[in-house]
Amino acid sequence: MAVEMVLLTPVLMGFVMLIVAFGRYVAVQGDIEAAARDAARTASLQASAGAADSAARASVAASLDDLTTCSTVSVGGDWTSGGDVVVRLQCSVSMSGLGLIGIPGRVAVEAESSVPLDPYRRYE
């Protein structure tokens, strides 16, 4: 019985850590998708494409924690009345941010969000 416990305990602990890591990955992916959604909404409230780009970047920086870095924040779309604004994020999360403390490396996560622009507003 003692030998079985010695052999099975590390396997069960590894399995539990893997479940925690997958759960954290889903949570981090949700956070990045929420940041993309918030950035797209913030960008859609601006009057020009340049202001929308800087507002979206500020929104992403305020939304995410230190363990997540977004290398690409792109704001695009059809910048006319009735068009839409699209925000794409390409981020990387450290393994310690997923609950795997002591394991080096990063995981890539991408998100995209689109928000329609007001058809009754003038954009530059």
C-alpha atoms as a PDB file:
ATOM      1  CA  MET A   1       0.000   0.000   0.000  1.00  0.00           C
ATOM      2  CA  ALA A   2       2.813   2.427   0.867  1.00  0.00           C
ATOM      3  CA  VAL A   3       4.575   1.715  -2.438  1.00  0.00           C
ATOM      4  CA  GLU A   4       1.389   2.425  -4.368  1.00  0.00           C
ATOM      5  CA  MET A   5       0.942   5.747  -2.563  1.00  0.00           C
ATOM      6  CA  VAL A   6       4.565   6.719  -3.259  1.00  0.00           C
ATOM      7  CA  LEU A   7       4.084   5.955  -6.957  1.00  0.00           C
ATOM      8  CA  LEU A   8       0.624   7.453  -7.415  1.00  0.00           C
ATOM      9  CA  THR A   9       0.975  10.679  -5.408  1.00  0.00           C
ATOM     10  CA  PRO A  10       3.292  12.459  -7.919  1.00  0.00           C
ATOM     11  CA  VAL A  11       1.067  11.377 -10.813  1.00  0.00           C
ATOM     12  CA  LEU A  12      -2.059  12.670  -9.100  1.00  0.00           C
ATOM     13  CA  MET A  13      -0.348  15.941  -8.127  1.00  0.00           C
ATOM     14  CA  GLY A  14       0.827  16.416 -11.719  1.00  0.00           C
ATOM     15  CA  PHE A  15      -2.711  15.802 -12.932  1.00  0.00           C
ATOM     16  CA  VAL A  16      -4.105  18.371 -10.487  1.00  0.00           C
ATOM     17  CA  MET A  17      -1.476  20.934 -11.569  1.00  0.00           C
ATOM     18  CA  LEU A  18      -2.374  20.309 -15.209  1.00  0.00           C
ATOM     19  CA  ILE A  19      -6.062  20.921 -14.481  1.00  0.00           C
ATOM     20  CA  VAL A  20      -5.160  24.159 -12.666  1.00  0.00           C
ATOM     21  CA  ALA A  21      -3.007  25.279 -15.622  1.00  0.00           C
ATOM     22  CA  PHE A  22      -5.808  24.627 -18.137  1.00  0.00           C
ATOM     23  CA  GLY A  23      -8.280  26.488 -15.944  1.00  0.00           C
ATOM     24  CA  ARG A  24      -5.921  29.458 -15.667  1.00  0.00           C
ATOM     25  CA  TYR A  25      -5.391  29.394 -19.456  1.00  0.00           C
ATOM     26  CA  VAL A  26      -9.137  29.679 -20.019  1.00  0.00           C
ATOM     27  CA  ALA A  27      -9.339  32.530 -17.486  1.00  0.00           C
ATOM     28  CA  VAL A  28      -6.413  34.392 -19.079  1.00  0.00           C
ATOM     29  CA  GLN A  29      -7.900  33.910 -22.552  1.00  0.00           C
ATOM     30  CA  GLY A  30     -11.163  35.371 -21.263  1.00  0.00           C
ATOM     31  CA  ASP A  31      -9.285  38.345 -19.801  1.00  0.00           C
ATOM     32  CA  ILE A  32      -7.562  39.016 -23.130  1.00  0.00           C
ATOM     33  CA  GLU A  33     -10.833  38.720 -25.050  1.00  0.00           C
ATOM     34  CA  ALA A  34     -12.440  41.145 -22.573  1.00  0.00           C
ATOM     35  CA  ALA A  35      -9.523  43.551 -23.063  1.00  0.00           C
ATOM     36  CA  ALA A  36     -10.027  43.363 -26.846  1.00  0.00           C
ATOM     37  CA  ARG A  37     -13.755  43.994 -26.447  1.00  0.00           C
ATOM     38  CA  ASP A  38     -13.164  46.966 -24.127  1.00  0.00           C
ATOM     39  CA  ALA A  39     -10.498  48.385 -26.446  1.00  0.00           C
ATOM     40  CA  ALA A  40     -12.827  48.113 -29.453  1.00  0.00           C
ATOM     41  CA  ARG A  41     -15.625  49.834 -27.545  1.00  0.00           C
ATOM     42  CA  THR A  42     -13.262  52.606 -26.411  1.00  0.00           C
ATOM     43  CA  ALA A  43     -11.935  53.033 -29.955  1.00  0.00           C
ATOM     44  CA  SER A  44     -15.448  53.284 -31.378  1.00  0.00           C
ATOM     45  CA  LEU A  45     -16.166  56.310 -29.181  1.00  0.00           C
ATOM     46  CA  GLN A  46     -13.287  58.341 -30.659  1.00  0.00           C
ATOM     47  CA  ALA A  47     -13.659  60.835 -33.510  1.00  0.00           C
ATOM     48  CA  SER A  48     -10.578  59.862 -35.545  1.00  0.00           C
ATOM     49  CA  ALA A  49      -8.580  56.751 -36.339  1.00  0.00           C
ATOM     50  CA  GLY A  50      -5.463  58.130 -34.633  1.00  0.00           C
ATOM     51  CA  ALA A  51      -7.325  58.893 -31.418  1.00  0.00           C
ATOM     52  CA  ALA A  52      -8.974  55.466 -31.592  1.00  0.00           C
ATOM     53  CA  ASP A  53      -5.592  53.740 -31.871  1.00  0.00           C
ATOM     54  CA  SER A  54      -4.127  55.505 -28.838  1.00  0.00           C
ATOM     55  CA  ALA A  55      -7.321  55.031 -26.793  1.00  0.00           C
ATOM     56  CA  ALA A  56      -7.409  51.310 -27.616  1.00  0.00           C
ATOM     57  CA  ARG A  57      -3.756  50.868 -26.605  1.00  0.00           C
ATOM     58  CA  ALA A  58      -4.375  52.695 -23.323  1.00  0.00           C
ATOM     59  CA  SER A  59      -7.424  50.532 -22.650  1.00  0.00           C
ATOM     60  CA  VAL A  60      -5.460  47.319 -23.260  1.00  0.00           C
ATOM     61  CA  ALA A  61      -2.602  48.484 -21.018  1.00  0.00           C
ATOM     62  CA  ALA A  62      -5.053  49.299 -18.217  1.00  0.00           C
ATOM     63  CA  SER A  63      -6.948  46.007 -18.573  1.00  0.00           C
ATOM     64  CA  LEU A  64      -4.143  43.446 -18.447  1.00  0.00           C
ATOM     65  CA  ASP A  65      -1.769  42.512 -15.633  1.00  0.00           C
ATOM     66  CA  ASP A  66       2.036  42.390 -15.590  1.00  0.00           C
ATOM     67  CA  LEU A  67       2.221  38.692 -16.531  1.00  0.00           C
ATOM     68  CA  THR A  68       0.521  39.339 -19.886  1.00  0.00           C
ATOM     69  CA  THR A  69       2.284  41.328 -22.595  1.00  0.00           C
ATOM     70  CA  CYS A  70       0.613  42.176 -25.886  1.00  0.00           C
ATOM     71  CA  SER A  71       3.144  42.491 -28.678  1.00  0.00           C
ATOM     72  CA  THR A  72       0.553  43.490 -31.266  1.00  0.00           C
ATOM     73  CA  VAL A  73      -2.416  45.779 -30.744  1.00  0.00           C
ATOM     74  CA  SER A  74      -3.902  46.606 -34.129  1.00  0.00           C
ATOM     75  CA  VAL A  75      -6.899  48.847 -34.668  1.00  0.00           C
ATOM     76  CA  GLY A  76      -8.512  48.715 -38.087  1.00  0.00           C
ATOM     77  CA  GLY A  77     -11.787  48.452 -39.877  1.00  0.00           C
ATOM     78  CA  ASP A  78     -13.955  50.716 -41.988  1.00  0.00           C
ATOM     79  CA  TRP A  79     -13.627  54.126 -40.300  1.00  0.00           C
ATOM     80  CA  THR A  80     -16.801  55.681 -41.748  1.00  0.00           C
ATOM     81  CA  SER A  81     -20.304  56.235 -40.438  1.00  0.00           C
ATOM     82  CA  GLY A  82     -21.968  52.862 -40.177  1.00  0.00           C
ATOM     83  CA  GLY A  83     -18.635  51.049 -40.519  1.00  0.00           C
ATOM     84  CA  ASP A  84     -16.946  49.083 -37.814  1.00  0.00           C
ATOM     85  CA  VAL A  85     -13.743  49.149 -35.802  1.00  0.00           C
ATOM     86  CA  VAL A  86     -11.774  45.938 -35.299  1.00  0.00           C
ATOM     87  CA  VAL A  87      -9.181  45.431 -32.554  1.00  0.00           C
ATOM     88  CA  ARG A  88      -6.783  42.473 -32.755  1.00  0.00           C
ATOM     89  CA  LEU A  89      -4.528  41.472 -29.878  1.00  0.00           C
ATOM     90  CA  GLN A  90      -1.582  39.090 -29.973  1.00  0.00           C
ATOM     91  CA  CYS A  91      -0.432  38.524 -26.411  1.00  0.00           C
ATOM     92  CA  SER A  92       1.875  36.189 -24.563  1.00  0.00           C
ATOM     93  CA  VAL A  93       1.410  34.977 -20.995  1.00  0.00           C
ATOM     94  CA  SER A  94       4.191  33.647 -18.786  1.00  0.00           C
ATOM     95  CA  MET A  95       3.815  30.099 -17.515  1.00  0.00           C
ATOM     96  CA  SER A  96       3.862  31.381 -13.926  1.00  0.00           C
ATOM     97  CA  GLY A  97       0.745  33.385 -14.819  1.00  0.00           C
ATOM     98  CA  LEU A  98      -0.955  30.063 -15.567  1.00  0.00           C
ATOM     99  CA  GLY A  99      -0.159  28.695 -12.134  1.00  0.00           C
ATOM    100  CA  LEU A 100       2.911  26.743 -13.224  1.00  0.00           C
ATOM    101  CA  ILE A 101       5.398  28.433 -10.915  1.00  0.00           C
ATOM    102  CA  GLY A 102       9.020  27.669 -11.705  1.00  0.00           C
ATOM    103  CA  ILE A 103       8.384  26.566 -15.291  1.00  0.00           C
ATOM    104  CA  PRO A 104       9.926  28.915 -17.872  1.00  0.00           C
ATOM    105  CA  GLY A 105       8.256  29.882 -21.095  1.00  0.00           C
ATOM    106  CA  ARG A 106       5.334  31.812 -22.489  1.00  0.00           C
ATOM    107  CA  VAL A 107       2.028  30.892 -24.142  1.00  0.00           C
ATOM    108  CA  ALA A 108       0.599  32.862 -27.085  1.00  0.00           C
ATOM    109  CA  VAL A 109      -3.032  34.004 -26.928  1.00  0.00           C
ATOM    110  CA  GLU A 110      -4.875  35.948 -29.641  1.00  0.00           C
ATOM    111  CA  ALA A 111      -8.181  37.795 -29.520  1.00  0.00           C
ATOM    112  CA  GLU A 112     -10.244  39.915 -31.875  1.00  0.00           C
ATOM    113  CA  SER A 113     -13.264  42.122 -31.308  1.00  0.00           C
ATOM    114  CA  SER A 114     -15.408  44.219 -33.629  1.00  0.00           C
ATOM    115  CA  VAL A 115     -17.749  47.082 -32.734  1.00  0.00           C
ATOM    116  CA  PRO A 116     -20.018  48.962 -35.162  1.00  0.00           C
ATOM    117  CA  LEU A 117     -19.533  52.707 -35.480  1.00  0.00           C
ATOM    118  CA  ASP A 118     -22.409  55.108 -34.968  1.00  0.00           C
ATOM    119  CA  PRO A 119     -24.151  55.683 -38.324  1.00  0.00           C
ATOM    120  CA  TYR A 120     -25.265  59.178 -37.281  1.00  0.00           C
ATOM    121  CA  ARG A 121     -21.825  60.485 -36.304  1.00  0.00           C
ATOM    122  CA  ARG A 122     -19.136  62.070 -38.448  1.00  0.00           C
ATOM    123  CA  TYR A 123     -15.646  60.490 -38.307  1.00  0.00           C
ATOM    124  CA  GLU A 124     -12.346  61.912 -39.515  1.00  0.00           C
END
